[in-house]
N, C-alpha and C. Protein backbone atom coordinates (compact mmCIF):
# COMPACT_ATOMS: atom_id res chain seq x y z
N MET A 1 -7.24 15.67 11.92
CA MET A 1 -6.28 15.49 13.10
C MET A 1 -5.10 16.40 12.87
N GLN A 2 -4.69 16.70 11.53
CA GLN A 2 -3.77 17.65 11.07
C GLN A 2 -4.15 18.85 11.72
N ASN A 3 -5.60 19.40 11.32
CA ASN A 3 -6.00 20.75 11.63
C ASN A 3 -5.81 20.99 13.29
N THR A 4 -6.06 19.89 14.13
CA THR A 4 -6.44 19.51 15.41
C THR A 4 -4.97 19.98 15.68
N MET A 5 -3.95 19.22 15.59
CA MET A 5 -2.76 19.35 15.88
C MET A 5 -1.37 20.59 15.88
N ARG A 6 -2.52 21.21 14.70
CA ARG A 6 -1.63 22.47 14.06
C ARG A 6 -2.46 23.49 15.67
N ALA A 7 -3.22 23.53 15.74
CA ALA A 7 -4.01 24.41 16.36
C ALA A 7 -3.45 24.17 17.78
N VAL A 8 -2.85 23.42 18.16
CA VAL A 8 -2.72 23.27 19.07
C VAL A 8 -0.99 23.46 19.49
N ARG A 9 -0.11 23.36 18.20
CA ARG A 9 0.96 23.60 18.05
C ARG A 9 1.20 25.07 17.97
N THR A 10 0.85 25.80 17.40
CA THR A 10 0.39 27.29 17.33
C THR A 10 -0.19 27.88 18.54
N ARG A 11 -0.51 27.12 19.52
CA ARG A 11 -0.75 27.58 20.57
C ARG A 11 -2.41 28.73 20.55
N LYS A 12 -2.90 28.17 19.24
CA LYS A 12 -4.63 28.55 19.28
C LYS A 12 -5.57 28.17 20.47
N LEU A 13 -5.69 26.69 20.73
CA LEU A 13 -6.06 25.72 21.39
C LEU A 13 -5.44 25.22 22.28
N SER A 14 -5.89 25.10 23.72
CA SER A 14 -5.29 23.96 24.32
C SER A 14 -5.73 22.44 24.04
N PRO A 15 -4.83 21.81 24.03
CA PRO A 15 -5.33 20.01 23.90
C PRO A 15 -6.43 19.49 24.09
N ASN A 16 -7.13 19.87 25.13
CA ASN A 16 -8.37 19.60 25.34
C ASN A 16 -9.44 20.56 24.55
N ALA A 17 -9.00 21.56 24.54
CA ALA A 17 -10.35 22.78 23.49
C ALA A 17 -10.39 22.23 22.38
N ALA A 18 -8.85 21.51 21.75
CA ALA A 18 -8.72 21.39 20.51
C ALA A 18 -9.56 20.27 20.04
N ALA A 19 -9.65 19.14 20.99
CA ALA A 19 -10.13 17.90 20.96
C ALA A 19 -11.69 17.97 20.77
N ILE A 20 -12.15 19.13 21.58
CA ILE A 20 -13.68 19.28 21.65
C ILE A 20 -13.77 20.11 20.70
N HIS A 21 -13.52 20.76 20.61
CA HIS A 21 -13.37 21.87 18.87
C HIS A 21 -13.83 21.02 17.60
N TYR A 22 -12.74 20.04 17.39
CA TYR A 22 -12.32 19.56 16.29
C TYR A 22 -12.69 17.86 16.27
N LYS A 23 -13.57 17.25 17.40
CA LYS A 23 -14.05 16.13 17.78
C LYS A 23 -13.30 15.24 17.20
N ALA A 24 -12.31 15.18 18.61
CA ALA A 24 -10.80 14.22 17.69
C ALA A 24 -10.85 13.79 19.42
N PRO A 25 -10.49 12.30 19.40
CA PRO A 25 -10.34 11.77 20.89
C PRO A 25 -9.15 12.72 21.54
N ARG A 26 -9.10 12.75 22.67
CA ARG A 26 -8.54 13.69 23.51
C ARG A 26 -7.02 13.27 23.91
N ARG A 27 -7.21 11.75 23.70
CA ARG A 27 -6.01 10.85 24.18
C ARG A 27 -5.18 10.67 22.99
N THR A 28 -5.55 10.41 22.01
CA THR A 28 -4.87 9.96 20.60
C THR A 28 -4.33 11.53 20.47
N LEU A 29 -4.89 12.84 20.56
CA LEU A 29 -4.38 14.04 20.04
C LEU A 29 -3.29 13.73 20.90
N ARG A 30 -3.13 14.02 22.45
CA ARG A 30 -2.35 14.00 23.48
C ARG A 30 -0.81 12.73 22.93
N ALA A 31 -1.32 11.71 22.21
CA ALA A 31 -0.12 10.89 22.39
C ALA A 31 0.35 11.11 20.98
N TYR A 32 -0.21 11.74 20.25
CA TYR A 32 0.28 12.14 18.79
C TYR A 32 1.10 13.67 19.08
N LEU A 33 1.05 14.25 19.71
CA LEU A 33 1.54 15.42 20.34
C LEU A 33 3.13 15.02 20.97
N ALA A 34 2.75 14.18 22.01
CA ALA A 34 4.06 13.47 22.64
C ALA A 34 5.06 12.55 21.45
N GLU A 35 4.04 12.16 20.31
CA GLU A 35 5.26 11.36 19.78
C GLU A 35 5.59 12.68 18.76
N ASN A 36 5.01 13.32 18.52
CA ASN A 36 5.40 14.42 17.29
C ASN A 36 4.90 13.97 16.29
N LYS A 37 3.89 13.27 16.28
CA LYS A 37 3.45 12.65 14.98
C LYS A 37 2.69 13.50 14.23
N GLN A 38 2.93 13.46 12.52
CA GLN A 38 2.27 14.13 11.59
C GLN A 38 0.54 13.98 10.95
N SER A 39 1.01 12.51 11.55
CA SER A 39 -0.54 12.12 11.09
C SER A 39 -0.61 10.40 11.25
N LYS A 40 -1.60 9.81 10.96
CA LYS A 40 -1.08 8.23 11.35
C LYS A 40 -0.42 7.62 10.54
N SER A 41 -0.03 6.49 10.91
CA SER A 41 0.85 5.89 10.84
C SER A 41 0.45 4.59 9.76
N LYS A 42 1.10 4.06 8.64
CA LYS A 42 0.73 3.15 7.77
C LYS A 42 0.43 1.70 8.66
N LEU A 43 -0.88 0.80 8.48
CA LEU A 43 -0.79 -0.34 8.92
C LEU A 43 -0.26 -1.55 8.20
N GLY A 44 0.29 -2.58 8.47
CA GLY A 44 0.47 -3.50 7.48
C GLY A 44 1.72 -3.48 7.27
N ARG A 45 2.13 -4.45 6.08
CA ARG A 45 3.21 -4.96 5.11
C ARG A 45 3.59 -3.71 4.38
N LYS A 46 5.36 -3.88 4.02
CA LYS A 46 5.06 -2.59 3.29
C LYS A 46 4.71 -3.43 1.65
N THR A 47 4.80 -2.55 0.74
CA THR A 47 4.20 -3.07 -0.38
C THR A 47 5.43 -3.52 -1.22
N VAL A 48 5.63 -4.65 -1.93
CA VAL A 48 6.50 -5.02 -2.56
C VAL A 48 6.47 -4.11 -4.32
N LEU A 49 5.28 -3.97 -4.42
CA LEU A 49 5.80 -3.13 -6.17
C LEU A 49 5.58 -1.78 -6.05
N SER A 50 6.15 -0.50 -6.32
CA SER A 50 5.96 1.01 -6.45
C SER A 50 4.56 1.02 -6.86
N PRO A 51 3.82 2.09 -7.05
CA PRO A 51 2.80 2.47 -7.85
C PRO A 51 3.40 2.04 -9.37
N GLN A 52 4.17 2.80 -9.82
CA GLN A 52 4.95 2.95 -11.23
C GLN A 52 5.10 1.27 -11.44
N GLN A 53 5.87 0.16 -10.64
CA GLN A 53 5.80 -0.85 -11.06
C GLN A 53 4.83 -1.32 -11.08
N GLU A 54 3.66 -0.97 -10.73
CA GLU A 54 2.15 -1.80 -10.59
C GLU A 54 1.56 -1.52 -12.18
N LYS A 55 1.95 -0.44 -12.55
CA LYS A 55 1.40 0.17 -13.37
C LYS A 55 2.41 -0.62 -14.89
N GLU A 56 3.42 -0.77 -14.83
CA GLU A 56 4.45 -1.66 -15.67
C GLU A 56 3.64 -3.03 -15.57
N LEU A 57 3.89 -3.61 -15.01
CA LEU A 57 3.29 -4.92 -14.57
C LEU A 57 1.90 -5.32 -15.06
N SER A 58 1.09 -4.42 -15.02
CA SER A 58 -0.58 -4.60 -15.39
C SER A 58 -0.13 -4.28 -17.18
N LYS A 59 0.54 -3.65 -17.33
CA LYS A 59 0.93 -3.38 -18.51
C LYS A 59 1.57 -4.68 -19.65
N ARG A 60 1.95 -5.34 -18.85
CA ARG A 60 3.14 -6.33 -19.08
C ARG A 60 1.94 -7.65 -19.36
N ILE A 61 0.78 -7.72 -18.06
CA ILE A 61 -0.26 -8.98 -18.36
C ILE A 61 -1.31 -8.17 -19.39
N ASN A 62 -1.76 -7.19 -19.24
CA ASN A 62 -2.46 -6.78 -20.57
C ASN A 62 -2.13 -7.56 -21.82
N TRP A 63 -0.83 -6.86 -21.90
CA TRP A 63 0.03 -7.35 -23.42
C TRP A 63 -0.76 -8.91 -24.03
N LEU A 64 -0.21 -9.65 -22.78
CA LEU A 64 -0.37 -10.77 -23.03
C LEU A 64 -1.49 -11.04 -22.90
N VAL A 65 -2.72 -11.08 -22.38
CA VAL A 65 -3.77 -11.14 -22.45
C VAL A 65 -4.44 -11.02 -24.19
N GLN A 66 -4.05 -9.81 -24.35
CA GLN A 66 -4.05 -9.30 -25.70
C GLN A 66 -3.56 -10.18 -26.77
N THR A 67 -2.40 -10.19 -26.96
CA THR A 67 -1.62 -10.77 -27.83
C THR A 67 -1.41 -12.36 -27.91
N VAL A 68 -1.31 -13.05 -26.82
CA VAL A 68 -0.62 -14.20 -26.56
C VAL A 68 -1.92 -15.07 -27.20
N TYR A 69 -2.41 -15.27 -25.62
CA TYR A 69 -3.61 -16.63 -25.70
C TYR A 69 -4.03 -16.17 -24.38
N PRO A 70 -5.07 -16.90 -24.12
CA PRO A 70 -6.08 -16.34 -22.59
C PRO A 70 -4.90 -16.99 -21.24
N ILE A 71 -5.04 -16.54 -20.60
CA ILE A 71 -3.85 -16.49 -19.43
C ILE A 71 -4.90 -17.19 -18.00
N THR A 72 -3.87 -18.54 -17.83
CA THR A 72 -4.93 -18.62 -16.49
C THR A 72 -4.17 -18.39 -15.34
N LEU A 73 -4.62 -18.28 -14.19
CA LEU A 73 -4.10 -17.38 -12.93
C LEU A 73 -2.95 -18.20 -12.69
N LYS A 74 -2.45 -19.28 -12.83
CA LYS A 74 -1.04 -19.96 -12.59
C LYS A 74 0.28 -19.17 -13.60
N ILE A 75 -0.28 -18.35 -14.78
CA ILE A 75 0.30 -17.76 -15.91
C ILE A 75 0.69 -16.29 -15.19
N LYS A 76 -0.35 -16.13 -14.28
CA LYS A 76 -0.01 -14.80 -13.89
C LYS A 76 0.65 -15.05 -12.85
N ARG A 77 0.49 -15.70 -12.08
CA ARG A 77 1.53 -15.73 -11.11
C ARG A 77 2.80 -16.07 -10.92
N MET A 78 3.04 -16.34 -12.02
CA MET A 78 4.70 -17.17 -12.48
C MET A 78 5.03 -15.73 -13.37
N CYS A 79 4.13 -15.00 -13.99
CA CYS A 79 4.52 -13.30 -14.51
C CYS A 79 4.75 -12.33 -13.52
N VAL A 80 3.92 -12.32 -12.37
CA VAL A 80 4.88 -11.19 -11.77
C VAL A 80 5.80 -11.53 -11.06
N PHE A 81 6.10 -13.14 -10.56
CA PHE A 81 7.42 -13.65 -9.71
C PHE A 81 8.54 -13.30 -10.69
N THR A 82 8.63 -13.60 -12.02
CA THR A 82 9.65 -13.33 -13.04
C THR A 82 9.51 -12.00 -13.27
N TYR A 83 8.60 -10.60 -13.47
CA TYR A 83 8.98 -9.52 -13.30
C TYR A 83 10.01 -8.96 -12.07
N CYS A 84 9.34 -9.37 -10.98
CA CYS A 84 10.20 -9.13 -9.83
C CYS A 84 11.73 -9.59 -9.78
N GLU A 85 11.65 -10.71 -9.89
CA GLU A 85 13.22 -11.45 -9.98
C GLU A 85 14.06 -10.95 -11.48
N GLU A 86 13.60 -10.74 -12.38
CA GLU A 86 14.32 -9.21 -13.42
C GLU A 86 14.30 -8.56 -13.34
N ASN A 87 13.68 -7.89 -12.31
CA ASN A 87 14.19 -6.28 -11.79
C ASN A 87 14.78 -6.33 -10.41
N ASN A 88 15.18 -7.52 -10.04
CA ASN A 88 15.61 -7.51 -8.72
C ASN A 88 14.82 -6.95 -7.48
N ILE A 89 13.65 -6.77 -7.78
CA ILE A 89 12.70 -6.72 -6.41
C ILE A 89 12.91 -7.48 -5.29
N PRO A 90 12.75 -6.99 -3.93
CA PRO A 90 13.07 -8.04 -2.91
C PRO A 90 11.56 -8.03 -2.85
N ASN A 91 11.31 -9.50 -2.49
CA ASN A 91 10.03 -10.03 -2.54
C ASN A 91 9.73 -11.18 -1.42
N PRO A 92 8.77 -11.40 -1.01
CA PRO A 92 8.45 -12.44 0.12
C PRO A 92 8.27 -13.82 -0.64
N PHE A 93 8.24 -13.62 -1.83
CA PHE A 93 7.88 -15.15 -2.63
C PHE A 93 8.57 -16.22 -2.79
N VAL A 94 8.48 -17.53 -2.92
CA VAL A 94 8.72 -18.75 -2.61
C VAL A 94 9.57 -18.83 -3.97
N ARG A 95 10.91 -18.74 -3.72
CA ARG A 95 11.64 -19.16 -5.16
C ARG A 95 11.69 -20.78 -5.63
N GLU A 96 11.25 -21.83 -4.93
CA GLU A 96 11.28 -23.11 -5.65
C GLU A 96 10.27 -23.05 -5.96
N LYS A 97 8.71 -22.55 -5.67
CA LYS A 97 7.50 -22.43 -6.80
C LYS A 97 7.54 -21.55 -7.78
N GLY A 98 8.36 -20.51 -7.62
CA GLY A 98 8.49 -19.75 -9.42
C GLY A 98 7.06 -19.01 -9.42
N MET A 99 6.50 -18.85 -8.52
CA MET A 99 5.43 -17.75 -8.33
C MET A 99 5.00 -17.42 -7.14
N VAL A 100 3.98 -16.41 -7.27
CA VAL A 100 3.27 -16.02 -6.02
C VAL A 100 2.18 -16.60 -5.28
N GLY A 101 1.86 -16.19 -4.48
CA GLY A 101 1.01 -16.92 -4.04
C GLY A 101 -0.77 -16.19 -4.31
N ARG A 102 -1.60 -17.27 -4.17
CA ARG A 102 -2.81 -16.47 -4.50
C ARG A 102 -3.25 -15.55 -3.59
N ALA A 103 -3.02 -15.37 -2.38
CA ALA A 103 -3.79 -14.18 -1.69
C ALA A 103 -2.76 -12.90 -2.18
N TRP A 104 -1.87 -13.04 -2.47
CA TRP A 104 -0.95 -11.88 -2.89
C TRP A 104 -1.54 -11.25 -4.42
N LEU A 105 -1.63 -12.29 -4.92
CA LEU A 105 -2.24 -11.95 -6.69
C LEU A 105 -3.70 -11.10 -6.59
N GLU A 106 -4.48 -12.00 -5.53
CA GLU A 106 -6.08 -11.73 -5.55
C GLU A 106 -5.74 -10.10 -5.16
N GLU A 107 -5.06 -9.63 -4.05
CA GLU A 107 -4.62 -8.42 -3.26
C GLU A 107 -4.52 -7.28 -4.89
N PHE A 108 -3.58 -7.97 -5.32
CA PHE A 108 -3.06 -7.05 -6.20
C PHE A 108 -4.27 -6.66 -7.51
N PHE A 109 -5.04 -7.51 -7.71
CA PHE A 109 -6.02 -7.83 -8.65
C PHE A 109 -6.94 -6.62 -8.10
N PHE A 110 -7.24 -6.68 -6.68
CA PHE A 110 -7.91 -5.95 -6.07
C PHE A 110 -7.79 -4.35 -6.47
N PHE A 111 -6.31 -3.85 -6.84
CA PHE A 111 -5.86 -2.44 -6.54
C PHE A 111 -5.61 -2.29 -7.89
N VAL A 112 -5.16 -3.02 -9.13
CA VAL A 112 -4.90 -2.86 -10.38
C VAL A 112 -5.79 -3.41 -11.37
N GLU A 113 -6.49 -3.30 -12.02
CA GLU A 113 -7.07 -3.70 -13.00
C GLU A 113 -6.23 -4.65 -14.32
N ILE A 114 -6.91 -5.82 -14.25
CA ILE A 114 -6.44 -6.58 -15.12
C ILE A 114 -7.52 -7.63 -15.30
N PRO A 115 -7.58 -8.09 -16.90
CA PRO A 115 -8.72 -8.96 -17.38
C PRO A 115 -8.26 -10.24 -16.37
């Protein structure tokens, strides 16, 4: 899509010709050009942790697994919540429970390797 938009902006091709040449949806191309978008926007919620924080947290959990004792899912959930609270990271987690939700943790494990 970026090549298509570049061809139109540099006036090498018309929007219709660029859509045909690059096999891009014509209406989408016109919408992107009208809004002056660079690329597709990200969908969904913003992430709670940055990639660097995710790595740091995964190291912390791996250290607990290797040195302390076998960790249950509940302890992992509490560990993530404690990490966010200690580092003043704004989060959507429920303070009364003192742990993250199961669904959030499953998504976290999907992207970060933790035993």
